[in-house]
Amino acid sequence: RALSVTKKQQNFNETQDKWMDRAVHMYHEEQEKGAGEKKKGLHGVCLEMEELCWKEDRTRIHLDKQTLSKQIKGVKSQARSNAKRSKLTTEEEEALIDYALKIACWGFPLDLRHIRDIANKI
């Protein structure tokens, strides 16, 4: 089945998070270089990761140097904080969506109350 706009955005955000994590790792490696070696700054690391993402994943992303700076200092993104508070895992969400779509195809669409009841039972 085709992906919803929300799912496409979620996949894009996961890709961007993956590359931000790699940028954090790369920045730490850059800072460990010796005194005579040229080190890349935040902006340089972001640009290199954006290029690598395009080459490897064929996805255009933008990594902000301020966001990278915060991640290096240990500040978690809002999306990651919210994900930890989620009651369902991604797999459980997918199963619930598949079930609701299957029931709807049979002519019995679920209302929000029923979906909430099913989610609470998971």
N, C-alpha and C. Protein backbone atom coordinates (compact mmCIF):
# COMPACT_ATOMS: atom_id res chain seq x y z
N ARG A 1 0.84 -1.19 0.00
CA ARG A 1 0.00 0.00 0.00
C ARG A 1 0.88 1.24 0.00
N ALA A 2 0.33 2.30 -0.49
CA ALA A 2 1.07 3.56 -0.56
C ALA A 2 1.24 4.13 0.83
N LEU A 3 2.33 4.84 1.02
CA LEU A 3 2.59 5.44 2.32
C LEU A 3 1.82 6.74 2.46
N SER A 4 1.32 6.98 3.66
CA SER A 4 0.62 8.23 3.93
C SER A 4 1.63 9.36 4.04
N VAL A 5 1.15 10.57 3.98
CA VAL A 5 2.01 11.74 4.11
C VAL A 5 2.70 11.72 5.47
N THR A 6 1.97 11.31 6.50
CA THR A 6 2.54 11.25 7.85
C THR A 6 3.66 10.23 7.91
N LYS A 7 3.46 9.06 7.30
CA LYS A 7 4.48 8.02 7.31
C LYS A 7 5.70 8.46 6.51
N LYS A 8 5.49 9.13 5.38
CA LYS A 8 6.61 9.64 4.60
C LYS A 8 7.42 10.64 5.43
N GLN A 9 6.73 11.51 6.16
CA GLN A 9 7.42 12.49 7.01
C GLN A 9 8.18 11.78 8.13
N GLN A 10 7.56 10.74 8.70
CA GLN A 10 8.22 9.98 9.76
C GLN A 10 9.49 9.31 9.22
N ASN A 11 9.42 8.72 8.03
CA ASN A 11 10.60 8.11 7.42
C ASN A 11 11.68 9.14 7.15
N PHE A 12 11.28 10.32 6.67
CA PHE A 12 12.24 11.39 6.42
C PHE A 12 12.92 11.82 7.71
N ASN A 13 12.13 11.97 8.77
CA ASN A 13 12.69 12.38 10.06
C ASN A 13 13.66 11.33 10.60
N GLU A 14 13.33 10.05 10.41
CA GLU A 14 14.23 8.99 10.85
C GLU A 14 15.55 9.04 10.07
N THR A 15 15.46 9.31 8.77
CA THR A 15 16.66 9.45 7.95
C THR A 15 17.50 10.62 8.44
N GLN A 16 16.84 11.73 8.71
CA GLN A 16 17.56 12.92 9.17
C GLN A 16 18.20 12.66 10.54
N ASP A 17 17.50 11.97 11.42
CA ASP A 17 18.06 11.63 12.74
C ASP A 17 19.28 10.73 12.60
N LYS A 18 19.19 9.76 11.68
CA LYS A 18 20.32 8.84 11.46
C LYS A 18 21.56 9.62 11.03
N TRP A 19 21.36 10.56 10.11
CA TRP A 19 22.50 11.33 9.62
C TRP A 19 23.00 12.34 10.64
N MET A 20 22.11 12.84 11.48
CA MET A 20 22.55 13.74 12.55
C MET A 20 23.41 12.96 13.55
N ASP A 21 23.02 11.72 13.85
CA ASP A 21 23.83 10.88 14.74
C ASP A 21 25.22 10.65 14.15
N ARG A 22 25.25 10.39 12.84
CA ARG A 22 26.54 10.20 12.18
C ARG A 22 27.37 11.48 12.21
N ALA A 23 26.70 12.63 12.09
CA ALA A 23 27.40 13.91 12.14
C ALA A 23 28.01 14.14 13.52
N VAL A 24 27.28 13.78 14.57
CA VAL A 24 27.82 13.91 15.94
C VAL A 24 29.07 13.06 16.07
N HIS A 25 29.00 11.82 15.58
CA HIS A 25 30.15 10.92 15.66
C HIS A 25 31.34 11.49 14.87
N MET A 26 31.06 12.00 13.67
CA MET A 26 32.12 12.56 12.84
C MET A 26 32.74 13.79 13.49
N TYR A 27 31.91 14.63 14.10
CA TYR A 27 32.43 15.83 14.75
C TYR A 27 33.39 15.45 15.88
N HIS A 28 33.02 14.43 16.67
CA HIS A 28 33.90 13.97 17.75
C HIS A 28 35.23 13.46 17.19
N GLU A 29 35.17 12.73 16.07
CA GLU A 29 36.40 12.25 15.43
C GLU A 29 37.25 13.42 14.95
N GLU A 30 36.61 14.43 14.40
CA GLU A 30 37.34 15.61 13.92
C GLU A 30 38.07 16.31 15.08
N GLN A 31 37.43 16.38 16.22
CA GLN A 31 38.02 17.08 17.36
C GLN A 31 39.17 16.30 17.98
N GLU A 32 39.26 15.00 17.69
CA GLU A 32 40.35 14.18 18.22
C GLU A 32 41.60 14.26 17.36
N LYS A 33 41.53 14.93 16.22
CA LYS A 33 42.69 15.07 15.35
C LYS A 33 43.78 15.85 16.06
N GLY A 34 45.01 15.61 15.63
CA GLY A 34 46.15 16.28 16.23
C GLY A 34 46.19 17.77 15.94
N ALA A 35 47.14 18.44 16.59
CA ALA A 35 47.23 19.89 16.49
C ALA A 35 47.56 20.36 15.08
N GLY A 36 48.34 19.60 14.33
CA GLY A 36 48.74 20.02 12.99
C GLY A 36 47.71 19.72 11.91
N GLU A 37 46.74 18.90 12.23
CA GLU A 37 45.75 18.51 11.23
C GLU A 37 44.58 19.49 11.19
N LYS A 38 44.04 19.66 9.99
CA LYS A 38 42.90 20.57 9.82
C LYS A 38 41.63 19.88 10.30
N LYS A 39 40.90 20.55 11.18
CA LYS A 39 39.66 20.00 11.73
C LYS A 39 38.47 20.68 11.07
N LYS A 40 37.44 19.90 10.82
CA LYS A 40 36.21 20.47 10.29
C LYS A 40 35.39 21.01 11.45
N GLY A 41 34.73 22.13 11.20
CA GLY A 41 33.83 22.70 12.19
C GLY A 41 32.43 22.12 12.05
N LEU A 42 31.50 22.68 12.81
CA LEU A 42 30.12 22.21 12.78
C LEU A 42 29.52 22.29 11.38
N HIS A 43 29.71 23.44 10.74
CA HIS A 43 29.14 23.65 9.41
C HIS A 43 29.73 22.68 8.39
N GLY A 44 31.04 22.49 8.44
CA GLY A 44 31.70 21.57 7.51
C GLY A 44 31.22 20.14 7.67
N VAL A 45 31.04 19.71 8.91
CA VAL A 45 30.54 18.36 9.18
C VAL A 45 29.12 18.22 8.63
N CYS A 46 28.29 19.22 8.87
CA CYS A 46 26.90 19.17 8.38
C CYS A 46 26.86 19.06 6.86
N LEU A 47 27.67 19.86 6.18
CA LEU A 47 27.69 19.82 4.72
C LEU A 47 28.14 18.46 4.20
N GLU A 48 29.17 17.90 4.83
CA GLU A 48 29.67 16.60 4.38
C GLU A 48 28.62 15.50 4.59
N MET A 49 27.93 15.54 5.72
CA MET A 49 26.89 14.55 5.99
C MET A 49 25.71 14.69 5.02
N GLU A 50 25.37 15.92 4.66
CA GLU A 50 24.30 16.13 3.68
C GLU A 50 24.67 15.51 2.34
N GLU A 51 25.93 15.70 1.92
CA GLU A 51 26.40 15.12 0.65
C GLU A 51 26.40 13.60 0.72
N LEU A 52 26.88 13.04 1.84
CA LEU A 52 26.90 11.59 1.99
C LEU A 52 25.50 11.00 1.99
N CYS A 53 24.57 11.69 2.61
CA CYS A 53 23.18 11.23 2.64
C CYS A 53 22.63 11.15 1.22
N TRP A 54 22.93 12.15 0.41
CA TRP A 54 22.45 12.15 -0.96
C TRP A 54 23.08 10.99 -1.75
N LYS A 55 24.39 10.76 -1.53
CA LYS A 55 25.07 9.69 -2.26
C LYS A 55 24.58 8.31 -1.83
N GLU A 56 24.38 8.11 -0.54
CA GLU A 56 24.02 6.79 -0.02
C GLU A 56 22.52 6.52 -0.02
N ASP A 57 21.73 7.48 0.44
CA ASP A 57 20.28 7.26 0.59
C ASP A 57 19.44 7.91 -0.51
N ARG A 58 20.08 8.73 -1.35
CA ARG A 58 19.36 9.48 -2.39
C ARG A 58 18.25 10.33 -1.80
N THR A 59 18.54 10.93 -0.66
CA THR A 59 17.59 11.81 0.02
C THR A 59 18.29 13.13 0.32
N ARG A 60 17.62 14.22 -0.01
CA ARG A 60 18.16 15.55 0.31
C ARG A 60 17.70 15.94 1.71
N ILE A 61 18.66 16.25 2.56
CA ILE A 61 18.35 16.69 3.92
C ILE A 61 19.13 17.97 4.20
N HIS A 62 18.75 18.64 5.27
CA HIS A 62 19.49 19.80 5.75
C HIS A 62 19.79 19.57 7.22
N LEU A 63 21.06 19.59 7.56
CA LEU A 63 21.47 19.46 8.96
C LEU A 63 21.92 20.84 9.44
N ASP A 64 21.29 21.31 10.48
CA ASP A 64 21.58 22.63 11.02
C ASP A 64 22.73 22.55 12.01
N LYS A 65 23.68 23.48 11.90
CA LYS A 65 24.84 23.43 12.79
C LYS A 65 24.46 23.70 14.24
N GLN A 66 23.42 24.49 14.48
CA GLN A 66 22.98 24.74 15.86
C GLN A 66 22.38 23.47 16.47
N THR A 67 21.62 22.74 15.66
CA THR A 67 21.05 21.48 16.13
C THR A 67 22.17 20.49 16.42
N LEU A 68 23.16 20.43 15.54
CA LEU A 68 24.31 19.56 15.76
C LEU A 68 25.02 19.93 17.06
N SER A 69 25.19 21.23 17.29
CA SER A 69 25.84 21.69 18.51
C SER A 69 25.08 21.23 19.75
N LYS A 70 23.76 21.34 19.71
CA LYS A 70 22.94 20.89 20.85
C LYS A 70 23.06 19.39 21.05
N GLN A 71 23.06 18.63 19.95
CA GLN A 71 23.16 17.17 20.06
C GLN A 71 24.51 16.78 20.65
N ILE A 72 25.56 17.49 20.27
CA ILE A 72 26.89 17.20 20.81
C ILE A 72 26.92 17.43 22.32
N LYS A 73 26.18 18.44 22.77
CA LYS A 73 26.11 18.74 24.20
C LYS A 73 25.16 17.81 24.95
N GLY A 74 24.48 16.91 24.23
CA GLY A 74 23.61 15.94 24.87
C GLY A 74 22.14 16.29 24.93
N VAL A 75 21.74 17.39 24.29
CA VAL A 75 20.33 17.77 24.28
C VAL A 75 19.60 16.90 23.26
N LYS A 76 18.54 16.24 23.69
CA LYS A 76 17.77 15.36 22.81
C LYS A 76 16.77 16.18 22.00
N SER A 77 16.49 15.72 20.79
CA SER A 77 15.51 16.41 19.96
C SER A 77 14.11 16.20 20.53
N GLN A 78 13.21 17.09 20.17
CA GLN A 78 11.83 16.99 20.66
C GLN A 78 11.17 15.71 20.15
N ALA A 79 11.48 15.33 18.93
CA ALA A 79 10.89 14.11 18.37
C ALA A 79 11.31 12.88 19.17
N ARG A 80 12.58 12.83 19.56
CA ARG A 80 13.05 11.68 20.35
C ARG A 80 12.45 11.68 21.74
N SER A 81 12.29 12.85 22.32
CA SER A 81 11.66 12.93 23.64
C SER A 81 10.21 12.46 23.57
N ASN A 82 9.51 12.88 22.53
CA ASN A 82 8.11 12.48 22.37
C ASN A 82 7.99 10.99 22.08
N ALA A 83 8.92 10.44 21.32
CA ALA A 83 8.87 9.01 20.97
C ALA A 83 8.99 8.14 22.22
N LYS A 84 9.78 8.59 23.18
CA LYS A 84 9.93 7.81 24.42
C LYS A 84 8.64 7.79 25.22
N ARG A 85 7.81 8.81 25.05
CA ARG A 85 6.54 8.88 25.79
C ARG A 85 5.41 8.15 25.07
N SER A 86 5.66 7.66 23.89
CA SER A 86 4.62 6.98 23.11
C SER A 86 4.23 5.68 23.80
N LYS A 87 2.94 5.38 23.79
CA LYS A 87 2.45 4.16 24.43
C LYS A 87 2.67 2.93 23.56
N LEU A 88 2.71 3.12 22.25
CA LEU A 88 2.87 2.01 21.32
C LEU A 88 4.21 2.09 20.61
N THR A 89 4.78 0.93 20.33
CA THR A 89 5.98 0.90 19.50
C THR A 89 5.57 1.12 18.05
N THR A 90 6.54 1.35 17.21
CA THR A 90 6.26 1.55 15.79
C THR A 90 5.58 0.32 15.19
N GLU A 91 6.04 -0.87 15.59
CA GLU A 91 5.45 -2.11 15.08
C GLU A 91 4.00 -2.24 15.52
N GLU A 92 3.72 -1.89 16.78
CA GLU A 92 2.35 -1.96 17.28
C GLU A 92 1.45 -0.96 16.56
N GLU A 93 1.98 0.23 16.29
CA GLU A 93 1.21 1.23 15.54
C GLU A 93 0.86 0.70 14.15
N GLU A 94 1.85 0.10 13.48
CA GLU A 94 1.63 -0.45 12.14
C GLU A 94 0.57 -1.55 12.18
N ALA A 95 0.65 -2.43 13.18
CA ALA A 95 -0.33 -3.52 13.30
C ALA A 95 -1.73 -2.96 13.52
N LEU A 96 -1.85 -1.94 14.35
CA LEU A 96 -3.15 -1.32 14.62
C LEU A 96 -3.72 -0.67 13.36
N ILE A 97 -2.88 0.01 12.61
CA ILE A 97 -3.32 0.65 11.37
C ILE A 97 -3.77 -0.40 10.36
N ASP A 98 -2.96 -1.47 10.22
CA ASP A 98 -3.34 -2.53 9.28
C ASP A 98 -4.67 -3.16 9.66
N TYR A 99 -4.87 -3.39 10.95
CA TYR A 99 -6.13 -3.98 11.42
C TYR A 99 -7.31 -3.05 11.13
N ALA A 100 -7.14 -1.77 11.44
CA ALA A 100 -8.22 -0.80 11.21
C ALA A 100 -8.57 -0.70 9.73
N LEU A 101 -7.55 -0.73 8.87
CA LEU A 101 -7.80 -0.67 7.43
C LEU A 101 -8.50 -1.94 6.93
N LYS A 102 -8.09 -3.08 7.47
CA LYS A 102 -8.72 -4.34 7.07
C LYS A 102 -10.20 -4.35 7.45
N ILE A 103 -10.50 -3.93 8.67
CA ILE A 103 -11.89 -3.88 9.15
C ILE A 103 -12.70 -2.88 8.31
N ALA A 104 -12.08 -1.76 7.96
CA ALA A 104 -12.77 -0.75 7.14
C ALA A 104 -13.08 -1.29 5.74
N CYS A 105 -12.16 -2.09 5.19
CA CYS A 105 -12.40 -2.69 3.87
C CYS A 105 -13.57 -3.66 3.91
N TRP A 106 -13.82 -4.26 5.05
CA TRP A 106 -14.95 -5.19 5.21
C TRP A 106 -16.26 -4.43 5.41
N GLY A 107 -16.17 -3.11 5.51
CA GLY A 107 -17.38 -2.31 5.66
C GLY A 107 -17.71 -1.93 7.09
N PHE A 108 -16.74 -2.10 8.00
CA PHE A 108 -16.96 -1.76 9.41
C PHE A 108 -15.87 -0.81 9.89
N PRO A 109 -15.87 0.43 9.43
CA PRO A 109 -14.82 1.36 9.88
C PRO A 109 -14.89 1.59 11.38
N LEU A 110 -13.71 1.63 11.99
CA LEU A 110 -13.63 1.84 13.43
C LEU A 110 -13.65 3.33 13.74
N ASP A 111 -14.37 3.70 14.79
CA ASP A 111 -14.32 5.09 15.22
C ASP A 111 -13.17 5.24 16.22
N LEU A 112 -12.91 6.48 16.61
CA LEU A 112 -11.77 6.77 17.48
C LEU A 112 -11.85 6.01 18.80
N ARG A 113 -13.05 5.87 19.35
CA ARG A 113 -13.20 5.18 20.64
C ARG A 113 -12.76 3.72 20.53
N HIS A 114 -13.15 3.05 19.45
CA HIS A 114 -12.76 1.65 19.26
C HIS A 114 -11.26 1.51 19.03
N ILE A 115 -10.70 2.42 18.26
CA ILE A 115 -9.25 2.38 18.02
C ILE A 115 -8.50 2.59 19.33
N ARG A 116 -8.97 3.54 20.15
CA ARG A 116 -8.34 3.79 21.44
C ARG A 116 -8.44 2.56 22.34
N ASP A 117 -9.60 1.89 22.35
CA ASP A 117 -9.77 0.68 23.16
C ASP A 117 -8.80 -0.42 22.73
N ILE A 118 -8.67 -0.60 21.43
CA ILE A 118 -7.74 -1.61 20.92
C ILE A 118 -6.31 -1.26 21.30
N ALA A 119 -5.94 0.02 21.15
CA ALA A 119 -4.59 0.46 21.49
C ALA A 119 -4.30 0.24 22.97
N ASN A 120 -5.27 0.48 23.83
CA ASN A 120 -5.07 0.29 25.27
C ASN A 120 -4.93 -1.18 25.63
N LYS A 121 -5.48 -2.08 24.82
CA LYS A 121 -5.36 -3.52 25.08
C LYS A 121 -4.02 -4.09 24.64
N ILE A 122 -3.36 -3.39 23.74
CA ILE A 122 -2.07 -3.89 23.22
C ILE A 122 -1.01 -3.87 24.30
